[in-house]
PDB file of N, CA and C in Angstrom:
ATOM      1  N   UNK A   1       0.759  -1.259   0.031  1.00  0.00           N
ATOM      2  CA  UNK A   1      -0.173  -0.159   0.198  1.00  0.00           C
ATOM      3  C   UNK A   1       0.346   1.131  -0.428  1.00  0.00           C
ATOM      4  N   UNK A   2       2.152   2.024   0.906  1.00  0.00           N
ATOM      5  CA  UNK A   2       2.699   1.796   1.327  1.00  0.00           C
ATOM      6  C   UNK A   2       3.727   2.618  -0.320  1.00  0.00           C
ATOM      7  N   UNK A   3       4.059   1.228  -0.750  1.00  0.00           N
ATOM      8  CA  UNK A   3       4.490   1.929  -2.489  1.00  0.00           C
ATOM      9  C   UNK A   3       3.790   2.065  -3.666  1.00  0.00           C
ATOM     10  N   UNK A   4       2.756   2.096  -3.486  1.00  0.00           N
ATOM     11  CA  UNK A   4       1.582   2.114  -4.079  1.00  0.00           C
ATOM     12  C   UNK A   4       1.427   4.118  -4.175  1.00  0.00           C
ATOM     13  N   UNK A   5       1.000   4.194  -2.302  1.00  0.00           N
ATOM     14  CA  UNK A   5       1.187   5.661  -2.439  1.00  0.00           C
ATOM     15  C   UNK A   5       2.530   6.522  -2.788  1.00  0.00           C
ATOM     16  N   UNK A   6       3.471   6.168  -2.666  1.00  0.00           N
ATOM     17  CA  UNK A   6       5.235   6.415  -3.049  1.00  0.00           C
ATOM     18  C   UNK A   6       4.660   6.921  -4.664  1.00  0.00           C
ATOM     19  N   UNK A   7       4.485   5.567  -5.411  1.00  0.00           N
ATOM     20  CA  UNK A   7       4.198   5.905  -7.461  1.00  0.00           C
ATOM     21  C   UNK A   7       3.327   7.414  -7.461  1.00  0.00           C
ATOM     22  N   UNK A   8       1.852   6.714  -6.555  1.00  0.00           N
ATOM     23  CA  UNK A   8       1.251   7.920  -7.428  1.00  0.00           C
ATOM     24  C   UNK A   8       1.801   8.870  -7.024  1.00  0.00           C
ATOM     25  N   UNK A   9       2.485   9.671  -5.599  1.00  0.00           N
ATOM     26  CA  UNK A   9       2.983  11.078  -5.242  1.00  0.00           C
ATOM     27  C   UNK A   9       3.536  11.226  -6.692  1.00  0.00           C
ATOM     28  N   UNK A  10       4.437   9.919  -6.325  1.00  0.00           N
ATOM     29  CA  UNK A  10       5.741  10.768  -7.649  1.00  0.00           C
ATOM     30  C   UNK A  10       5.303  10.899  -9.357  1.00  0.00           C
ATOM     31  N   UNK A  11       4.483  10.275  -9.332  1.00  0.00           N
ATOM     32  CA  UNK A  11       3.768  10.370 -10.897  1.00  0.00           C
ATOM     33  C   UNK A  11       2.907  11.752 -11.028  1.00  0.00           C
ATOM     34  N   UNK A  12       2.428  12.506  -9.711  1.00  0.00           N
ATOM     35  CA  UNK A  12       2.078  13.363  -9.419  1.00  0.00           C
ATOM     36  C   UNK A  12       2.161  14.448  -9.655  1.00  0.00           C
ATOM     37  N   UNK A  13       3.677  14.369  -9.124  1.00  0.00           N
ATOM     38  CA  UNK A  13       5.106  15.178  -9.264  1.00  0.00           C
ATOM     39  C   UNK A  13       5.609  16.034 -10.473  1.00  0.00           C
ATOM     40  N   UNK A  14       5.668  14.479 -10.705  1.00  0.00           N
ATOM     41  CA  UNK A  14       6.534  15.050 -12.499  1.00  0.00           C
ATOM     42  C   UNK A  14       5.388  15.949 -12.810  1.00  0.00           C
ATOM     43  N   UNK A  15       4.028  15.748 -13.275  1.00  0.00           N
ATOM     44  CA  UNK A  15       2.901  16.205 -14.338  1.00  0.00           C
ATOM     45  C   UNK A  15       3.280  17.821 -13.508  1.00  0.00           C
ATOM     46  N   UNK A  16       3.434  18.237 -11.787  1.00  0.00           N
ATOM     47  CA  UNK A  16       2.970  19.118 -11.790  1.00  0.00           C
ATOM     48  C   UNK A  16       3.855  20.113 -12.290  1.00  0.00           C
ATOM     49  N   UNK A  17       5.411  19.467 -12.412  1.00  0.00           N
ATOM     50  CA  UNK A  17       6.872  20.171 -12.895  1.00  0.00           C
ATOM     51  C   UNK A  17       6.533  20.757 -13.647  1.00  0.00           C
ATOM     52  N   UNK A  18       6.018  19.856 -14.736  1.00  0.00           N
ATOM     53  CA  UNK A  18       5.791  19.279 -16.454  1.00  0.00           C
ATOM     54  C   UNK A  18       4.656  21.185 -17.420  1.00  0.00           C
ATOM     55  N   UNK A  19       3.971  20.714 -16.174  1.00  0.00           N
ATOM     56  CA  UNK A  19       3.070  21.462 -16.766  1.00  0.00           C
ATOM     57  C   UNK A  19       3.511  22.555 -15.708  1.00  0.00           C
ATOM     58  N   UNK A  20       4.182  23.515 -14.561  1.00  0.00           N
ATOM     59  CA  UNK A  20       4.504  24.421 -13.704  1.00  0.00           C
ATOM     60  C   UNK A  20       5.465  25.010 -14.999  1.00  0.00           C
ATOM     61  N   UNK A  21       6.156  24.703 -15.863  1.00  0.00           N
ATOM     62  CA  UNK A  21       7.234  25.443 -16.483  1.00  0.00           C
ATOM     63  C   UNK A  21       6.440  25.627 -17.926  1.00  0.00           C
ATOM     64  N   UNK A  22       5.756  24.612 -18.168  1.00  0.00           N
ATOM     65  CA  UNK A  22       4.545  25.223 -19.735  1.00  0.00           C
ATOM     66  C   UNK A  22       4.397  26.492 -19.463  1.00  0.00           C
ATOM     67  N   UNK A  23       4.027  26.857 -18.343  1.00  0.00           N
ATOM     68  CA  UNK A  23       3.237  28.476 -18.105  1.00  0.00           C
ATOM     69  C   UNK A  23       4.169  29.303 -17.863  1.00  0.00           C
ATOM     70  N   UNK A  24       5.454  28.826 -18.129  1.00  0.00           N
ATOM     71  CA  UNK A  24       5.964  30.312 -17.885  1.00  0.00           C
ATOM     72  C   UNK A  24       6.530  31.046 -18.935  1.00  0.00           C
ATOM     73  N   UNK A  25       6.467  32.375 -19.102  1.00  0.00           N
ATOM     74  CA  UNK A  25       6.415  33.334 -19.486  1.00  0.00           C
ATOM     75  C   UNK A  25       8.316  34.115 -19.601  1.00  0.00           C
ATOM     76  N   UNK A  26       8.684  33.954 -20.555  1.00  0.00           N
ATOM     77  CA  UNK A  26       9.548  35.006 -20.411  1.00  0.00           C
ATOM     78  C   UNK A  26       9.968  37.055 -20.330  1.00  0.00           C
ATOM     79  N   UNK A  27      10.597  37.228 -19.493  1.00  0.00           N
ATOM     80  CA  UNK A  27       9.915  38.580 -19.054  1.00  0.00           C
ATOM     81  C   UNK A  27      11.152  39.168 -18.120  1.00  0.00           C
ATOM     82  N   UNK A  28      10.987  40.117 -17.559  1.00  0.00           N
ATOM     83  CA  UNK A  28      11.655  40.966 -16.009  1.00  0.00           C
ATOM     84  C   UNK A  28      10.562  40.883 -15.102  1.00  0.00           C
ATOM     85  N   UNK A  29      11.231  40.307 -14.544  1.00  0.00           N
ATOM     86  CA  UNK A  29      10.359  40.143 -13.351  1.00  0.00           C
ATOM     87  C   UNK A  29       9.833  41.445 -12.333  1.00  0.00           C
ATOM     88  N   UNK A  30      10.413  42.303 -12.736  1.00  0.00           N
ATOM     89  CA  UNK A  30      10.220  43.527 -12.330  1.00  0.00           C
ATOM     90  C   UNK A  30      10.461  43.362 -10.197  1.00  0.00           C
ATOM     91  N   UNK A  31      10.800  42.974  -9.470  1.00  0.00           N
ATOM     92  CA  UNK A  31      10.522  42.470  -7.918  1.00  0.00           C
ATOM     93  C   UNK A  31      11.143  43.810  -7.670  1.00  0.00           C
ATOM     94  N   UNK A  32       9.821  44.925  -6.746  1.00  0.00           N
ATOM     95  CA  UNK A  32       9.954  45.555  -5.791  1.00  0.00           C
ATOM     96  C   UNK A  32      11.103  45.864  -4.348  1.00  0.00           C
ATOM     97  N   UNK A  33      11.358  44.130  -4.628  1.00  0.00           N
ATOM     98  CA  UNK A  33      12.669  43.919  -3.420  1.00  0.00           C
ATOM     99  C   UNK A  33      12.563  42.134  -3.822  1.00  0.00           C
ATOM    100  N   UNK A  34      13.819  41.508  -2.752  1.00  0.00           N
ATOM    101  CA  UNK A  34      14.081  40.026  -3.134  1.00  0.00           C
ATOM    102  C   UNK A  34      14.489  39.991  -1.204  1.00  0.00           C
ATOM    103  N   UNK A  35      13.526  39.058  -1.296  1.00  0.00           N
ATOM    104  CA  UNK A  35      13.336  38.096  -0.177  1.00  0.00           C
ATOM    105  C   UNK A  35      13.796  37.298   0.658  1.00  0.00           C
ATOM    106  N   UNK A  36      12.946  36.462   1.201  1.00  0.00           N
ATOM    107  CA  UNK A  36      13.396  34.576   1.272  1.00  0.00           C
ATOM    108  C   UNK A  36      13.570  34.352  -0.444  1.00  0.00           C
ATOM    109  N   UNK A  37      14.234  33.139  -0.080  1.00  0.00           N
ATOM    110  CA  UNK A  37      14.438  32.409  -1.450  1.00  0.00           C
ATOM    111  C   UNK A  37      14.214  31.006  -1.122  1.00  0.00           C
ATOM    112  N   UNK A  38      13.439  30.186  -1.942  1.00  0.00           N
ATOM    113  CA  UNK A  38      13.075  28.723  -1.609  1.00  0.00           C
ATOM    114  C   UNK A  38      13.072  28.421  -3.171  1.00  0.00           C
ATOM    115  N   UNK A  39      13.264  26.762  -3.380  1.00  0.00           N
ATOM    116  CA  UNK A  39      13.533  26.002  -4.621  1.00  0.00           C
ATOM    117  C   UNK A  39      12.559  25.129  -4.489  1.00  0.00           C
ATOM    118  N   UNK A  40      11.748  24.915  -5.891  1.00  0.00           N
ATOM    119  CA  UNK A  40      10.505  23.903  -6.123  1.00  0.00           C
ATOM    120  C   UNK A  40      10.960  23.054  -7.028  1.00  0.00           C
ATOM    121  N   UNK A  41      10.405  22.841  -8.051  1.00  0.00           N
ATOM    122  CA  UNK A  41      10.661  21.341  -8.710  1.00  0.00           C
ATOM    123  C   UNK A  41      11.016  21.754 -10.073  1.00  0.00           C
ATOM    124  N   UNK A  42      12.428  21.575 -10.903  1.00  0.00           N
ATOM    125  CA  UNK A  42      13.407  21.578 -11.592  1.00  0.00           C
ATOM    126  C   UNK A  42      13.909  22.723 -11.991  1.00  0.00           C
ATOM    127  N   UNK A  43      14.159  22.982 -10.307  1.00  0.00           N
ATOM    128  CA  UNK A  43      15.233  23.886 -10.797  1.00  0.00           C
ATOM    129  C   UNK A  43      14.417  25.891 -10.668  1.00  0.00           C
ATOM    130  N   UNK A  44      13.308  26.020  -9.880  1.00  0.00           N
ATOM    131  CA  UNK A  44      12.317  26.859 -10.370  1.00  0.00           C
ATOM    132  C   UNK A  44      12.313  27.807  -8.756  1.00  0.00           C
ATOM    133  N   UNK A  45      12.857  28.658  -9.161  1.00  0.00           N
ATOM    134  CA  UNK A  45      13.253  29.300  -8.221  1.00  0.00           C
ATOM    135  C   UNK A  45      11.878  30.803  -8.062  1.00  0.00           C
ATOM    136  N   UNK A  46      12.042  30.382  -6.426  1.00  0.00           N
ATOM    137  CA  UNK A  46      10.684  31.482  -5.513  1.00  0.00           C
ATOM    138  C   UNK A  46      10.942  32.118  -4.540  1.00  0.00           C
ATOM    139  N   UNK A  47      10.763  33.462  -5.217  1.00  0.00           N
ATOM    140  CA  UNK A  47      11.610  34.685  -4.261  1.00  0.00           C
ATOM    141  C   UNK A  47      10.588  35.404  -3.868  1.00  0.00           C
ATOM    142  N   UNK A  48      10.912  35.661  -2.716  1.00  0.00           N
ATOM    143  CA  UNK A  48       9.665  36.400  -1.863  1.00  0.00           C
ATOM    144  C   UNK A  48       9.741  38.465  -1.624  1.00  0.00           C
ATOM    145  N   UNK A  49       8.565  38.562  -2.676  1.00  0.00           N
ATOM    146  CA  UNK A  49       8.928  40.247  -2.750  1.00  0.00           C
ATOM    147  C   UNK A  49       7.905  41.167  -1.563  1.00  0.00           C
ATOM    148  N   UNK A  50       8.463  41.146  -0.750  1.00  0.00           N
ATOM    149  CA  UNK A  50       7.762  41.318   0.956  1.00  0.00           C
ATOM    150  C   UNK A  50       7.183  42.956   0.442  1.00  0.00           C
ATOM    151  N   UNK A  51       7.832  43.575  -0.640  1.00  0.00           N
ATOM    152  CA  UNK A  51       7.392  45.229  -0.117  1.00  0.00           C
ATOM    153  C   UNK A  51       6.593  45.159  -1.775  1.00  0.00           C
ATOM    154  N   UNK A  52       6.624  44.233  -2.622  1.00  0.00           N
ATOM    155  CA  UNK A  52       5.457  43.727  -3.552  1.00  0.00           C
ATOM    156  C   UNK A  52       4.658  43.391  -3.698  1.00  0.00           C
ATOM    157  N   UNK A  53       4.891  42.226  -2.347  1.00  0.00           N
ATOM    158  CA  UNK A  53       3.478  41.528  -1.557  1.00  0.00           C
ATOM    159  C   UNK A  53       2.943  40.861  -2.892  1.00  0.00           C
ATOM    160  N   UNK A  54       3.777  39.723  -3.054  1.00  0.00           N
ATOM    161  CA  UNK A  54       3.827  38.410  -4.231  1.00  0.00           C
ATOM    162  C   UNK A  54       5.092  37.898  -3.680  1.00  0.00           C
ATOM    163  N   UNK A  55       5.408  37.018  -3.947  1.00  0.00           N
ATOM    164  CA  UNK A  55       5.970  35.386  -4.241  1.00  0.00           C
ATOM    165  C   UNK A  55       6.309  35.335  -6.266  1.00  0.00           C
ATOM    166  N   UNK A  56       7.209  35.352  -6.784  1.00  0.00           N
ATOM    167  CA  UNK A  56       7.641  35.209  -8.212  1.00  0.00           C
ATOM    168  C   UNK A  56       8.413  34.194  -8.169  1.00  0.00           C
ATOM    169  N   UNK A  57       8.013  33.283  -9.165  1.00  0.00           N
ATOM    170  CA  UNK A  57       8.989  31.767  -9.629  1.00  0.00           C
ATOM    171  C   UNK A  57       9.684  32.182 -10.709  1.00  0.00           C
ATOM    172  N   UNK A  58      10.918  31.881 -10.974  1.00  0.00           N
ATOM    173  CA  UNK A  58      11.829  31.875 -12.041  1.00  0.00           C
ATOM    174  C   UNK A  58      12.243  30.704 -12.256  1.00  0.00           C
ATOM    175  N   UNK A  59      12.373  30.345 -14.030  1.00  0.00           N
ATOM    176  CA  UNK A  59      12.946  28.740 -14.394  1.00  0.00           C
ATOM    177  C   UNK A  59      14.118  29.605 -13.719  1.00  0.00           C
ATOM    178  N   UNK A  60      15.604  28.956 -13.676  1.00  0.00           N
ATOM    179  CA  UNK A  60      16.692  29.279 -13.015  1.00  0.00           C
ATOM    180  C   UNK A  60      17.609  28.231 -14.528  1.00  0.00           C
ATOM    181  N   UNK A  61      16.674  27.700 -15.168  1.00  0.00           N
ATOM    182  CA  UNK A  61      17.331  26.839 -15.990  1.00  0.00           C
ATOM    183  C   UNK A  61      18.491  25.699 -15.651  1.00  0.00           C
ATOM    184  N   UNK A  62      19.086  26.181 -14.708  1.00  0.00           N
ATOM    185  CA  UNK A  62      19.575  25.528 -13.715  1.00  0.00           C
ATOM    186  C   UNK A  62      19.855  23.592 -12.831  1.00  0.00           C
ATOM    187  N   UNK A  63      19.946  23.332 -14.151  1.00  0.00           N
ATOM    188  CA  UNK A  63      19.164  21.738 -13.888  1.00  0.00           C
ATOM    189  C   UNK A  63      20.655  20.843 -14.929  1.00  0.00           C
ATOM    190  N   UNK A  64      21.573  21.828 -14.549  1.00  0.00           N
ATOM    191  CA  UNK A  64      22.824  20.747 -14.927  1.00  0.00           C
ATOM    192  C   UNK A  64      23.670  19.977 -14.394  1.00  0.00           C
ATOM    193  N   UNK A  65      24.941  19.518 -13.728  1.00  0.00           N
ATOM    194  CA  UNK A  65      25.856  18.824 -13.341  1.00  0.00           C
ATOM    195  C   UNK A  65      26.167  19.275 -11.991  1.00  0.00           C
ATOM    196  N   UNK A  66      26.234  18.896 -10.888  1.00  0.00           N
ATOM    197  CA  UNK A  66      26.316  19.184  -9.741  1.00  0.00           C
ATOM    198  C   UNK A  66      27.369  20.540 -10.033  1.00  0.00           C
ATOM    199  N   UNK A  67      28.279  21.451  -8.881  1.00  0.00           N
ATOM    200  CA  UNK A  67      28.654  22.020  -8.886  1.00  0.00           C
ATOM    201  C   UNK A  67      29.197  21.380  -8.127  1.00  0.00           C
ATOM    202  N   UNK A  68      30.851  21.196  -7.481  1.00  0.00           N
ATOM    203  CA  UNK A  68      31.531  20.878  -6.875  1.00  0.00           C
ATOM    204  C   UNK A  68      33.336  21.611  -6.339  1.00  0.00           C
ATOM    205  N   UNK A  69      32.880  21.685  -4.928  1.00  0.00           N
ATOM    206  CA  UNK A  69      33.907  22.726  -4.925  1.00  0.00           C
ATOM    207  C   UNK A  69      33.534  23.067  -3.294  1.00  0.00           C
ATOM    208  N   UNK A  70      34.319  23.566  -3.337  1.00  0.00           N
ATOM    209  CA  UNK A  70      33.795  24.988  -2.009  1.00  0.00           C
ATOM    210  C   UNK A  70      33.373  26.769  -2.713  1.00  0.00           C
ATOM    211  N   UNK A  71      32.392  26.933  -1.523  1.00  0.00           N
ATOM    212  CA  UNK A  71      31.897  28.403  -2.189  1.00  0.00           C
ATOM    213  C   UNK A  71      32.673  29.531  -1.241  1.00  0.00           C
ATOM    214  N   UNK A  72      33.196  30.503  -1.598  1.00  0.00           N
ATOM    215  CA  UNK A  72      34.114  31.008  -0.983  1.00  0.00           C
ATOM    216  C   UNK A  72      33.096  32.165  -1.018  1.00  0.00           C
ATOM    217  N   UNK A  73      32.883  32.712   0.270  1.00  0.00           N
ATOM    218  CA  UNK A  73      31.913  33.889   0.060  1.00  0.00           C
ATOM    219  C   UNK A  73      32.638  35.061   1.503  1.00  0.00           C
ATOM    220  N   UNK A  74      33.635  34.823   1.411  1.00  0.00           N
ATOM    221  CA  UNK A  74      35.203  35.976   1.937  1.00  0.00           C
ATOM    222  C   UNK A  74      34.248  37.331   1.064  1.00  0.00           C
ATOM    223  N   UNK A  75      33.593  38.593   2.182  1.00  0.00           N
ATOM    224  CA  UNK A  75      33.611  39.460   1.138  1.00  0.00           C
ATOM    225  C   UNK A  75      32.497  39.444  -0.073  1.00  0.00           C
ATOM    226  N   UNK A  76      31.758  38.944   0.208  1.00  0.00           N
ATOM    227  CA  UNK A  76      30.345  38.705  -0.900  1.00  0.00           C
ATOM    228  C   UNK A  76      30.421  40.355  -0.821  1.00  0.00           C
ATOM    229  N   UNK A  77      29.377  40.653   0.507  1.00  0.00           N
ATOM    230  CA  UNK A  77      28.957  42.339   0.660  1.00  0.00           C
ATOM    231  C   UNK A  77      29.412  43.052   0.136  1.00  0.00           C
ATOM    232  N   UNK A  78      31.328  43.089   0.102  1.00  0.00           N
ATOM    233  CA  UNK A  78      31.776  44.198  -0.981  1.00  0.00           C
ATOM    234  C   UNK A  78      31.372  43.772  -1.995  1.00  0.00           C
ATOM    235  N   UNK A  79      31.599  42.759  -2.960  1.00  0.00           N
ATOM    236  CA  UNK A  79      31.302  42.271  -4.002  1.00  0.00           C
ATOM    237  C   UNK A  79      30.036  42.890  -4.896  1.00  0.00           C
ATOM    238  N   UNK A  80      29.559  42.375  -4.052  1.00  0.00           N
ATOM    239  CA  UNK A  80      27.795  43.099  -4.690  1.00  0.00           C
ATOM    240  C   UNK A  80      28.112  44.540  -4.400  1.00  0.00           C
ATOM    241  N   UNK A  81      27.974  45.139  -3.300  1.00  0.00           N
ATOM    242  CA  UNK A  81      28.186  46.439  -3.187  1.00  0.00           C
ATOM    243  C   UNK A  81      28.840  47.129  -4.318  1.00  0.00           C
ATOM    244  N   UNK A  82      30.191  46.861  -4.833  1.00  0.00           N
ATOM    245  CA  UNK A  82      30.503  46.882  -6.298  1.00  0.00           C
ATOM    246  C   UNK A  82      30.046  46.918  -7.103  1.00  0.00           C
ATOM    247  N   UNK A  83      29.544  45.889  -7.755  1.00  0.00           N
ATOM    248  CA  UNK A  83      28.727  45.995  -8.859  1.00  0.00           C
ATOM    249  C   UNK A  83      27.471  47.067  -8.065  1.00  0.00           C
ATOM    250  N   UNK A  84      26.316  47.382  -7.500  1.00  0.00           N
ATOM    251  CA  UNK A  84      25.543  48.101  -7.735  1.00  0.00           C
ATOM    252  C   UNK A  84      26.311  49.516  -7.539  1.00  0.00           C
ATOM    253  N   UNK A  85      28.043  49.874  -7.094  1.00  0.00           N
ATOM    254  CA  UNK A  85      27.931  51.537  -6.852  1.00  0.00           C
ATOM    255  C   UNK A  85      27.440  51.649  -4.734  1.00  0.00           C
ATOM    256  N   UNK A  86      28.041  51.153  -4.116  1.00  0.00           N
ATOM    257  CA  UNK A  86      27.422  51.364  -3.016  1.00  0.00           C
ATOM    258  C   UNK A  86      29.000  50.927  -1.920  1.00  0.00           C
ATOM    259  N   UNK A  87      28.540  51.782  -0.637  1.00  0.00           N
ATOM    260  CA  UNK A  87      29.414  51.305   0.262  1.00  0.00           C
ATOM    261  C   UNK A  87      28.920  48.907   0.646  1.00  0.00           C
ATOM    262  N   UNK A  88      30.104  48.947   1.092  1.00  0.00           N
ATOM    263  CA  UNK A  88      29.479  47.256   1.804  1.00  0.00           C
ATOM    264  C   UNK A  88      28.811  47.681   2.471  1.00  0.00           C
ATOM    265  N   UNK A  89      28.336  48.593   3.529  1.00  0.00           N
ATOM    266  CA  UNK A  89      28.039  49.198   4.268  1.00  0.00           C
ATOM    267  C   UNK A  89      26.658  48.776   4.136  1.00  0.00           C
ATOM    268  N   UNK A  90      25.952  49.394   3.093  1.00  0.00           N
ATOM    269  CA  UNK A  90      24.746  48.612   2.263  1.00  0.00           C
ATOM    270  C   UNK A  90      24.316  48.139   1.906  1.00  0.00           C
ATOM    271  N   UNK A  91      24.848  47.300   2.384  1.00  0.00           N
ATOM    272  CA  UNK A  91      23.770  46.697   1.710  1.00  0.00           C
ATOM    273  C   UNK A  91      24.026  45.362   2.859  1.00  0.00           C
ATOM    274  N   UNK A  92      22.805  44.836   2.384  1.00  0.00           N
ATOM    275  CA  UNK A  92      22.299  43.363   3.377  1.00  0.00           C
ATOM    276  C   UNK A  92      21.624  42.070   2.952  1.00  0.00           C
ATOM    277  N   UNK A  93      22.040  41.181   2.772  1.00  0.00           N
ATOM    278  CA  UNK A  93      22.348  39.312   2.537  1.00  0.00           C
ATOM    279  C   UNK A  93      21.400  38.964   3.058  1.00  0.00           C
ATOM    280  N   UNK A  94      20.119  38.781   2.153  1.00  0.00           N
ATOM    281  CA  UNK A  94      18.500  38.683   3.252  1.00  0.00           C
ATOM    282  C   UNK A  94      18.229  36.767   2.559  1.00  0.00           C
ATOM    283  N   UNK A  95      19.050  36.527   2.233  1.00  0.00           N
ATOM    284  CA  UNK A  95      18.792  35.106   2.279  1.00  0.00           C
ATOM    285  C   UNK A  95      19.938  33.999   0.971  1.00  0.00           C
ATOM    286  N   UNK A  96      20.045  32.959   1.977  1.00  0.00           N
ATOM    287  CA  UNK A  96      21.141  32.044   0.838  1.00  0.00           C
ATOM    288  C   UNK A  96      20.166  30.927   0.528  1.00  0.00           C
ATOM    289  N   UNK A  97      20.309  30.436  -0.479  1.00  0.00           N
ATOM    290  CA  UNK A  97      19.481  28.869  -0.865  1.00  0.00           C
ATOM    291  C   UNK A  97      20.107  28.477  -2.002  1.00  0.00           C
ATOM    292  N   UNK A  98      19.993  27.231  -2.251  1.00  0.00           N
ATOM    293  CA  UNK A  98      21.303  26.013  -2.650  1.00  0.00           C
ATOM    294  C   UNK A  98      20.078  25.424  -3.460  1.00  0.00           C
ATOM    295  N   UNK A  99      20.613  25.182  -4.681  1.00  0.00           N
ATOM    296  CA  UNK A  99      19.635  24.392  -6.048  1.00  0.00           C
ATOM    297  C   UNK A  99      19.891  23.200  -5.866  1.00  0.00           C
ATOM    298  N   UNK A 100      18.805  22.563  -5.213  1.00  0.00           N
ATOM    299  CA  UNK A 100      19.038  21.093  -4.795  1.00  0.00           C
ATOM    300  C   UNK A 100      19.277  19.608  -6.067  1.00  0.00           C
ATOM    301  N   UNK A 101      19.243  20.926  -7.542  1.00  0.00           N
ATOM    302  CA  UNK A 101      19.938  19.958  -8.853  1.00  0.00           C
ATOM    303  C   UNK A 101      21.214  19.773  -8.677  1.00  0.00           C
ATOM    304  N   UNK A 102      21.469  21.150  -9.462  1.00  0.00           N
ATOM    305  CA  UNK A 102      22.838  21.774  -9.416  1.00  0.00           C
ATOM    306  C   UNK A 102      24.227  22.395  -7.826  1.00  0.00           C
ATOM    307  N   UNK A 103      23.775  22.129  -6.879  1.00  0.00           N
ATOM    308  CA  UNK A 103      24.365  22.833  -6.102  1.00  0.00           C
ATOM    309  C   UNK A 103      24.376  23.739  -6.628  1.00  0.00           C
ATOM    310  N   UNK A 104      23.959  25.048  -7.100  1.00  0.00           N
ATOM    311  CA  UNK A 104      24.296  26.183  -7.112  1.00  0.00           C
ATOM    312  C   UNK A 104      23.706  27.009  -6.226  1.00  0.00           C
ATOM    313  N   UNK A 105      24.727  28.108  -5.577  1.00  0.00           N
ATOM    314  CA  UNK A 105      23.920  29.261  -4.131  1.00  0.00           C
ATOM    315  C   UNK A 105      23.408  30.230  -5.209  1.00  0.00           C
ATOM    316  N   UNK A 106      22.970  30.879  -4.158  1.00  0.00           N
ATOM    317  CA  UNK A 106      21.759  31.217  -5.140  1.00  0.00           C
ATOM    318  C   UNK A 106      21.399  32.842  -4.172  1.00  0.00           C
ATOM    319  N   UNK A 107      21.905  33.971  -3.746  1.00  0.00           N
ATOM    320  CA  UNK A 107      21.142  34.799  -2.746  1.00  0.00           C
ATOM    321  C   UNK A 107      20.173  35.705  -2.845  1.00  0.00           C
ATOM    322  N   UNK A 108      19.654  36.147  -2.717  1.00  0.00           N
ATOM    323  CA  UNK A 108      19.472  38.326  -2.272  1.00  0.00           C
ATOM    324  C   UNK A 108      19.385  38.945  -1.587  1.00  0.00           C
ATOM    325  N   UNK A 109      20.393  40.195  -2.082  1.00  0.00           N
ATOM    326  CA  UNK A 109      20.341  41.332  -0.550  1.00  0.00           C
ATOM    327  C   UNK A 109      19.781  42.706  -1.247  1.00  0.00           C
ATOM    328  N   UNK A 110      19.626  43.010  -0.360  1.00  0.00           N
ATOM    329  CA  UNK A 110      19.567  44.605  -0.532  1.00  0.00           C
ATOM    330  C   UNK A 110      20.793  45.619  -0.475  1.00  0.00           C
ATOM    331  N   UNK A 111      19.357  46.864  -1.763  1.00  0.00           N
ATOM    332  CA  UNK A 111      21.027  48.320  -1.116  1.00  0.00           C
ATOM    333  C   UNK A 111      20.738  48.740  -0.654  1.00  0.00           C
ATOM    334  N   UNK A 112      20.468  49.543   0.609  1.00  0.00           N
ATOM    335  CA  UNK A 112      20.566  50.507   1.640  1.00  0.00           C
ATOM    336  C   UNK A 112      20.587  50.384   3.140  1.00  0.00           C
ATOM    337  N   UNK A 113      20.297  50.153   4.097  1.00  0.00           N
ATOM    338  CA  UNK A 113      19.467  50.130   5.662  1.00  0.00           C
ATOM    339  C   UNK A 113      18.199  50.323   5.837  1.00  0.00           C
ATOM    340  N   UNK A 114      17.488  50.573   5.055  1.00  0.00           N
ATOM    341  CA  UNK A 114      16.146  51.300   5.348  1.00  0.00           C
ATOM    342  C   UNK A 114      15.967  52.765   5.312  1.00  0.00           C
ATOM    343  N   UNK A 115      14.971  53.205   6.378  1.00  0.00           N
ATOM    344  CA  UNK A 115      15.352  55.132   6.385  1.00  0.00           C
ATOM    345  C   UNK A 115      16.175  55.386   7.634  1.00  0.00           C
ATOM    346  N   UNK A 116      16.438  56.428   7.253  1.00  0.00           N
ATOM    347  CA  UNK A 116      17.281  57.034   8.059  1.00  0.00           C
ATOM    348  C   UNK A 116      17.251  57.776   8.899  1.00  0.00           C
ATOM    349  N   UNK A 117      17.380  57.528  10.517  1.00  0.00           N
ATOM    350  CA  UNK A 117      16.625  58.152  11.534  1.00  0.00           C
ATOM    351  C   UNK A 117      16.840  59.254  11.781  1.00  0.00           C
ATOM    352  N   UNK A 118      15.682  60.114  12.068  1.00  0.00           N
ATOM    353  CA  UNK A 118      15.577  61.344  12.208  1.00  0.00           C
ATOM    354  C   UNK A 118      15.842  62.169  13.733  1.00  0.00           C
ATOM    355  N   UNK A 119      16.460  62.931  14.026  1.00  0.00           N
ATOM    356  CA  UNK A 119      17.587  63.723  14.543  1.00  0.00           C
ATOM    357  C   UNK A 119      17.355  64.852  14.672  1.00  0.00           C
TER     358      UNK A 119
END
C-alpha cells in the first residue's frame, strides 16, 4: 500500500513539474524587493517580494551537473556593493539558498539600510 502511494505521489509530482514550466513566460520579473528564497521542482526559484506583496517564480534553467568544491563567500558584501555602486555597509544579504539539482548557491540582497533615523 505504501509503495503504491509513493508511486502515485511521484507521478503527480512529475506532472505538476512539467505543467509548471509550460506556463512560464519570459520577461522581467519587476521585483520591488528580494527577500526569502526557496527552490521548487525543476530548478524553479521562488522569490518573496515583501514590498510588492507577492512571490515570483523564476525558471533558472539551472538543471545541469552538480557544482563541486567549496564556495568562498569572504567579502561577498563588498563584491555586491561594487556591482551596484554603494559602500559594503549599505548591502544586506537577505537570504541564501542552494539549488538541490545543481548545488549552485543563490542569494538575495538589498541596497541600503532602510529609512534614516530623524535627528
